[in-house]
Each structure stands twice: as C-alpha cells, then as structure tokens.
Amino acid sequence: VSELTRCHDITILPVGPVTPMKSVTDNTAPIGTYFPGDVVTYTLMWTHHSMFEVTELNVIDQLPPDISFVGNIQYSGNIQALLDANPSVSPFTQNGQQLIWDFDNIVFPGDNASFKIMFDAQIENNTSPGSLNNCFTVEGMGDNVRMDAVEDCQAVNVAAVGPVNLAK
C-alpha cells in the first residue's frame, strides 16, 4: 500500500481551527509509484476543533485534468450516521473535474470531531510523466463560528510507462 499524506494546521478566527488533510493510496503499485491507468483512492479528512456546531458545510475537490472520478464514495461512520438521520440529503454532485459535497441542513458537531470522505479516481492512460496536484477545500457556517475555506493539496507523481526491451 502506498500512501501520501500532507497536513496543515490552519487557524480560523474567531473560533476555529479546522485541520484538513488529504492522502492518496494505490493498493496495486509499489510504494510511491503511480502509472497511467492506475486507480487511486483519495481520502479527504478534516477535524473541527471548535466546541460549536457547523452547518452549511461544503467540501470541494478539484481534480486535475489527467485524473478522472471513478466513484466508490465512502464516508466515515459519523458522516454516514448524519446522512442516515437525514435521508432526504444527497450531498454529492460532480461538475466536470469538480467534486462537490454540499451538506446544507446537516449539523456537524465540534469538540474535535473528525470526518472523512474517500473516493476512487483513475490516472488517465495518456498521462505524461510528472506531478499532478489535487486540492480540496472545506468551508461552513455556524453560530460563533467563522469558517473561511481551508485547503489542503496532494501531489501524485506519475512515472513513465515505456516499452520493455529484453534483448541482450
């Protein structure tokens, strides 16, 4: 299992902070190796450190042009419980390369509650070698809470795929 993780501590005034973190995993490739055609699992994680609840929460992931959304969305248990308690809410939409989770009308607890969304994406077959940067943001509203959008990014380094020459 290869996994890249990067985390930032971001303070949001006056009550914050929220800590976003994004990671990517490819269960089929050697550690740190990604190739065109690979399916990777992105994990979007954030922790709400305030004691106040947050509403109108939005999570937006902007996929780079060479990565396509595959599906297989999974939520951490606490998000799934909130969705189960609000069956009329369908938070996910896709607008081109932008993945949007709109959790309006759902109250997210504070007190160091952590949340996670996972989904699969595929590196396009014709992707050139190099780095593909993918960012996500989290923003919300609440009484005594000012949550400007916080962002975290994760790069996937794509290796070249070329012909194999077995001649001696």
C-alpha atoms as a PDB file:
ATOM      1  CA  VAL A   1       0.000   0.000   0.000  1.00  0.00           C
ATOM      2  CA  SER A   2       1.433   3.354  -0.945  1.00  0.00           C
ATOM      3  CA  GLU A   3       0.133   6.426   0.766  1.00  0.00           C
ATOM      4  CA  LEU A   4       0.994  10.097   0.544  1.00  0.00           C
ATOM      5  CA  THR A   5      -0.106  12.347   3.354  1.00  0.00           C
ATOM      6  CA  ARG A   6       0.225  16.070   3.900  1.00  0.00           C
ATOM      7  CA  CYS A   7      -1.436  18.048   6.650  1.00  0.00           C
ATOM      8  CA  HIS A   8      -1.625  21.708   7.577  1.00  0.00           C
ATOM      9  CA  ASP A   9      -2.716  23.226  10.867  1.00  0.00           C
ATOM     10  CA  ILE A  10      -4.929  26.140   9.881  1.00  0.00           C
ATOM     11  CA  THR A  11      -6.418  28.523  12.430  1.00  0.00           C
ATOM     12  CA  ILE A  12      -9.799  30.002  11.592  1.00  0.00           C
ATOM     13  CA  LEU A  13     -10.854  33.029  13.614  1.00  0.00           C
ATOM     14  CA  PRO A  14     -12.626  33.717  15.851  1.00  0.00           C
ATOM     15  CA  VAL A  15     -13.338  30.155  16.976  1.00  0.00           C
ATOM     16  CA  GLY A  16     -11.513  27.685  14.610  1.00  0.00           C
ATOM     17  CA  PRO A  17      -9.380  25.859  13.837  1.00  0.00           C
ATOM     18  CA  VAL A  18     -10.201  23.169  11.324  1.00  0.00           C
ATOM     19  CA  THR A  19      -7.400  20.869  10.214  1.00  0.00           C
ATOM     20  CA  PRO A  20      -7.733  19.483   6.669  1.00  0.00           C
ATOM     21  CA  MET A  21      -5.624  16.609   5.382  1.00  0.00           C
ATOM     22  CA  LYS A  22      -5.635  14.766   2.074  1.00  0.00           C
ATOM     23  CA  SER A  23      -3.970  11.470   1.235  1.00  0.00           C
ATOM     24  CA  VAL A  24      -3.853   9.166  -1.764  1.00  0.00           C
ATOM     25  CA  THR A  25      -3.420   5.392  -1.849  1.00  0.00           C
ATOM     26  CA  ASP A  26      -2.891   2.920  -4.679  1.00  0.00           C
ATOM     27  CA  ASN A  27      -3.112  -0.647  -3.418  1.00  0.00           C
ATOM     28  CA  THR A  28      -1.628  -2.192  -6.570  1.00  0.00           C
ATOM     29  CA  ALA A  29       1.532  -0.152  -7.179  1.00  0.00           C
ATOM     30  CA  PRO A  30       4.872  -0.315  -5.372  1.00  0.00           C
ATOM     31  CA  ILE A  31       5.198   2.368  -2.688  1.00  0.00           C
ATOM     32  CA  GLY A  32       5.431   5.846  -4.199  1.00  0.00           C
ATOM     33  CA  THR A  33       4.888   4.637  -7.773  1.00  0.00           C
ATOM     34  CA  TYR A  34       1.903   5.716  -9.848  1.00  0.00           C
ATOM     35  CA  PHE A  35       1.403   4.904 -13.523  1.00  0.00           C
ATOM     36  CA  PRO A  36      -1.069   5.942 -16.207  1.00  0.00           C
ATOM     37  CA  GLY A  37      -4.179   3.791 -15.831  1.00  0.00           C
ATOM     38  CA  ASP A  38      -3.771   3.300 -12.058  1.00  0.00           C
ATOM     39  CA  VAL A  39      -6.867   3.660  -9.877  1.00  0.00           C
ATOM     40  CA  VAL A  40      -6.091   5.531  -6.668  1.00  0.00           C
ATOM     41  CA  THR A  41      -8.182   6.160  -3.560  1.00  0.00           C
ATOM     42  CA  TYR A  42      -8.259   9.740  -2.307  1.00  0.00           C
ATOM     43  CA  THR A  43      -9.061  10.363   1.346  1.00  0.00           C
ATOM     44  CA  LEU A  44     -10.305  13.805   2.391  1.00  0.00           C
ATOM     45  CA  MET A  45     -10.089  14.289   6.154  1.00  0.00           C
ATOM     46  CA  TRP A  46     -10.794  17.220   8.405  1.00  0.00           C
ATOM     47  CA  THR A  47     -11.141  17.823  12.136  1.00  0.00           C
ATOM     48  CA  HIS A  48     -13.337  20.532  13.641  1.00  0.00           C
ATOM     49  CA  HIS A  49     -11.618  21.698  16.830  1.00  0.00           C
ATOM     50  CA  SER A  50     -14.221  24.218  17.994  1.00  0.00           C
ATOM     51  CA  MET A  51     -16.836  23.384  20.609  1.00  0.00           C
ATOM     52  CA  PHE A  52     -19.529  24.909  18.347  1.00  0.00           C
ATOM     53  CA  GLU A  53     -21.523  23.084  15.683  1.00  0.00           C
ATOM     54  CA  VAL A  54     -21.049  23.821  11.984  1.00  0.00           C
ATOM     55  CA  THR A  55     -23.809  23.961   9.377  1.00  0.00           C
ATOM     56  CA  GLU A  56     -23.859  24.619   5.634  1.00  0.00           C
ATOM     57  CA  LEU A  57     -20.687  22.564   5.309  1.00  0.00           C
ATOM     58  CA  ASN A  58     -19.260  22.247   1.798  1.00  0.00           C
ATOM     59  CA  VAL A  59     -16.351  20.084   0.663  1.00  0.00           C
ATOM     60  CA  ILE A  60     -14.978  20.684  -2.830  1.00  0.00           C
ATOM     61  CA  ASP A  61     -12.298  18.613  -4.547  1.00  0.00           C
ATOM     62  CA  GLN A  62     -10.813  19.926  -7.794  1.00  0.00           C
ATOM     63  CA  LEU A  63      -9.376  17.015  -9.786  1.00  0.00           C
ATOM     64  CA  PRO A  64      -6.555  17.824 -12.211  1.00  0.00           C
ATOM     65  CA  PRO A  65      -7.298  17.271 -15.931  1.00  0.00           C
ATOM     66  CA  ASP A  66      -5.425  13.936 -16.102  1.00  0.00           C
ATOM     67  CA  ILE A  67      -7.370  12.281 -13.259  1.00  0.00           C
ATOM     68  CA  SER A  68     -10.962  11.052 -13.673  1.00  0.00           C
ATOM     69  CA  PHE A  69     -13.506  10.413 -10.936  1.00  0.00           C
ATOM     70  CA  VAL A  70     -14.403   6.697 -10.795  1.00  0.00           C
ATOM     71  CA  GLY A  71     -16.793   6.571  -7.831  1.00  0.00           C
ATOM     72  CA  ASN A  72     -16.916   4.285  -4.803  1.00  0.00           C
ATOM     73  CA  ILE A  73     -17.619   7.147  -2.381  1.00  0.00           C
ATOM     74  CA  GLN A  74     -17.315   6.099   1.254  1.00  0.00           C
ATOM     75  CA  TYR A  75     -17.954   8.181   4.353  1.00  0.00           C
ATOM     76  CA  SER A  76     -16.578   7.867   7.860  1.00  0.00           C
ATOM     77  CA  GLY A  77     -19.101   6.444  10.323  1.00  0.00           C
ATOM     78  CA  ASN A  78     -20.044   9.819  11.769  1.00  0.00           C
ATOM     79  CA  ILE A  79     -20.851  11.330   8.342  1.00  0.00           C
ATOM     80  CA  GLN A  80     -22.799   8.211   7.368  1.00  0.00           C
ATOM     81  CA  ALA A  81     -24.794   8.472  10.618  1.00  0.00           C
ATOM     82  CA  LEU A  82     -25.626  12.126   9.835  1.00  0.00           C
ATOM     83  CA  LEU A  83     -26.749  11.135   6.321  1.00  0.00           C
ATOM     84  CA  ASP A  84     -28.790   8.202   7.659  1.00  0.00           C
ATOM     85  CA  ALA A  85     -30.547  10.617  10.046  1.00  0.00           C
ATOM     86  CA  ASN A  86     -31.260  12.959   7.090  1.00  0.00           C
ATOM     87  CA  PRO A  87     -32.310  10.579   4.275  1.00  0.00           C
ATOM     88  CA  SER A  88     -33.538  13.419   2.037  1.00  0.00           C
ATOM     89  CA  VAL A  89     -29.987  14.816   1.736  1.00  0.00           C
ATOM     90  CA  SER A  90     -27.935  13.679  -1.258  1.00  0.00           C
ATOM     91  CA  PRO A  91     -24.751  15.673  -0.788  1.00  0.00           C
ATOM     92  CA  PHE A  92     -22.641  14.650  -3.810  1.00  0.00           C
ATOM     93  CA  THR A  93     -22.609  16.270  -7.249  1.00  0.00           C
ATOM     94  CA  GLN A  94     -19.991  16.419  -9.982  1.00  0.00           C
ATOM     95  CA  ASN A  95     -19.396  19.401 -12.247  1.00  0.00           C
ATOM     96  CA  GLY A  96     -16.671  18.410 -14.716  1.00  0.00           C
ATOM     97  CA  GLN A  97     -13.475  17.937 -12.713  1.00  0.00           C
ATOM     98  CA  GLN A  98     -15.025  19.462  -9.593  1.00  0.00           C
ATOM     99  CA  LEU A  99     -16.436  17.087  -6.971  1.00  0.00           C
ATOM    100  CA  ILE A 100     -18.843  18.797  -4.570  1.00  0.00           C
ATOM    101  CA  TRP A 101     -20.291  17.584  -1.272  1.00  0.00           C
ATOM    102  CA  ASP A 102     -22.974  20.040  -0.113  1.00  0.00           C
ATOM    103  CA  PHE A 103     -24.049  19.158   3.421  1.00  0.00           C
ATOM    104  CA  ASP A 104     -26.532  22.045   3.852  1.00  0.00           C
ATOM    105  CA  ASN A 105     -29.151  21.398   6.539  1.00  0.00           C
ATOM    106  CA  ILE A 106     -26.909  18.908   8.350  1.00  0.00           C
ATOM    107  CA  VAL A 107     -25.334  19.951  11.649  1.00  0.00           C
ATOM    108  CA  PHE A 108     -21.733  18.792  12.107  1.00  0.00           C
ATOM    109  CA  PRO A 109     -20.553  18.572  15.719  1.00  0.00           C
ATOM    110  CA  GLY A 110     -17.474  20.293  17.092  1.00  0.00           C
ATOM    111  CA  ASP A 111     -15.339  19.128  20.012  1.00  0.00           C
ATOM    112  CA  ASN A 112     -12.507  17.691  17.894  1.00  0.00           C
ATOM    113  CA  ALA A 113     -14.814  15.636  15.688  1.00  0.00           C
ATOM    114  CA  SER A 114     -13.005  14.210  12.662  1.00  0.00           C
ATOM    115  CA  PHE A 115     -14.635  13.481   9.323  1.00  0.00           C
ATOM    116  CA  LYS A 116     -13.532  11.525   6.263  1.00  0.00           C
ATOM    117  CA  ILE A 117     -14.660  11.102   2.642  1.00  0.00           C
ATOM    118  CA  MET A 118     -12.959   8.532   0.398  1.00  0.00           C
ATOM    119  CA  PHE A 119     -13.383   8.053  -3.362  1.00  0.00           C
ATOM    120  CA  ASP A 120     -11.651   6.370  -6.289  1.00  0.00           C
ATOM    121  CA  ALA A 121     -10.104   8.170  -9.248  1.00  0.00           C
ATOM    122  CA  GLN A 122      -8.081   6.970 -12.218  1.00  0.00           C
ATOM    123  CA  ILE A 123      -4.943   8.420 -13.744  1.00  0.00           C
ATOM    124  CA  GLU A 124      -5.698   8.737 -17.464  1.00  0.00           C
ATOM    125  CA  ASN A 125      -3.895   6.269 -19.754  1.00  0.00           C
ATOM    126  CA  ASN A 126      -2.274   9.028 -21.831  1.00  0.00           C
ATOM    127  CA  THR A 127      -0.929  10.990 -18.845  1.00  0.00           C
ATOM    128  CA  SER A 128       2.637  12.269 -19.291  1.00  0.00           C
ATOM    129  CA  PRO A 129       5.179  11.667 -16.528  1.00  0.00           C
ATOM    130  CA  GLY A 130       5.196  14.363 -13.866  1.00  0.00           C
ATOM    131  CA  SER A 131       3.333  15.673 -10.869  1.00  0.00           C
ATOM    132  CA  LEU A 132      -0.466  16.024 -10.691  1.00  0.00           C
ATOM    133  CA  ASN A 133      -1.645  18.335  -7.905  1.00  0.00           C
ATOM    134  CA  ASN A 134      -5.127  17.813  -6.424  1.00  0.00           C
ATOM    135  CA  CYS A 135      -6.642  20.189  -3.836  1.00  0.00           C
ATOM    136  CA  PHE A 136      -9.752  20.148  -1.693  1.00  0.00           C
ATOM    137  CA  THR A 137     -11.423  22.817   0.433  1.00  0.00           C
ATOM    138  CA  VAL A 138     -13.748  22.690   3.435  1.00  0.00           C
ATOM    139  CA  GLU A 139     -15.978  25.599   4.430  1.00  0.00           C
ATOM    140  CA  GLY A 140     -19.012  26.073   6.643  1.00  0.00           C
ATOM    141  CA  MET A 141     -21.077  28.371   8.845  1.00  0.00           C
ATOM    142  CA  GLY A 142     -22.341  28.324  12.409  1.00  0.00           C
ATOM    143  CA  ASP A 143     -23.149  30.408  15.474  1.00  0.00           C
ATOM    144  CA  ASN A 144     -19.907  31.860  16.844  1.00  0.00           C
ATOM    145  CA  VAL A 145     -18.002  30.130  14.021  1.00  0.00           C
ATOM    146  CA  ARG A 146     -16.284  31.772  11.104  1.00  0.00           C
ATOM    147  CA  MET A 147     -15.071  29.088   8.731  1.00  0.00           C
ATOM    148  CA  ASP A 148     -13.383  30.590   5.739  1.00  0.00           C
ATOM    149  CA  ALA A 149     -12.448  27.912   3.255  1.00  0.00           C
ATOM    150  CA  VAL A 150      -9.412  25.891   4.320  1.00  0.00           C
ATOM    151  CA  GLU A 151      -7.449  23.940   1.747  1.00  0.00           C
ATOM    152  CA  ASP A 152      -5.028  21.046   1.503  1.00  0.00           C
ATOM    153  CA  CYS A 153      -3.353  19.635  -1.588  1.00  0.00           C
ATOM    154  CA  GLN A 154      -1.717  16.344  -2.505  1.00  0.00           C
ATOM    155  CA  ALA A 155       0.587  15.658  -5.435  1.00  0.00           C
ATOM    156  CA  VAL A 156       0.685  12.353  -7.287  1.00  0.00           C
ATOM    157  CA  ASN A 157       3.916  11.714  -9.161  1.00  0.00           C
ATOM    158  CA  VAL A 158       3.249   9.757 -12.330  1.00  0.00           C
ATOM    159  CA  ALA A 159       6.081   7.591 -13.675  1.00  0.00           C
ATOM    160  CA  ALA A 160       6.716   6.942 -17.352  1.00  0.00           C
ATOM    161  CA  VAL A 161       5.420   3.790 -18.970  1.00  0.00           C
ATOM    162  CA  GLY A 162       7.585   2.731 -21.864  1.00  0.00           C
ATOM    163  CA  PRO A 163       8.486  -0.310 -23.919  1.00  0.00           C
ATOM    164  CA  VAL A 164      10.421  -3.071 -22.196  1.00  0.00           C
ATOM    165  CA  ASN A 165      13.495  -4.314 -24.100  1.00  0.00           C
ATOM    166  CA  LEU A 166      14.523  -7.815 -23.058  1.00  0.00           C
ATOM    167  CA  ALA A 167      17.243  -8.234 -25.722  1.00  0.00           C
ATOM    168  CA  LYS A 168      20.838  -8.717 -24.562  1.00  0.00           C
END
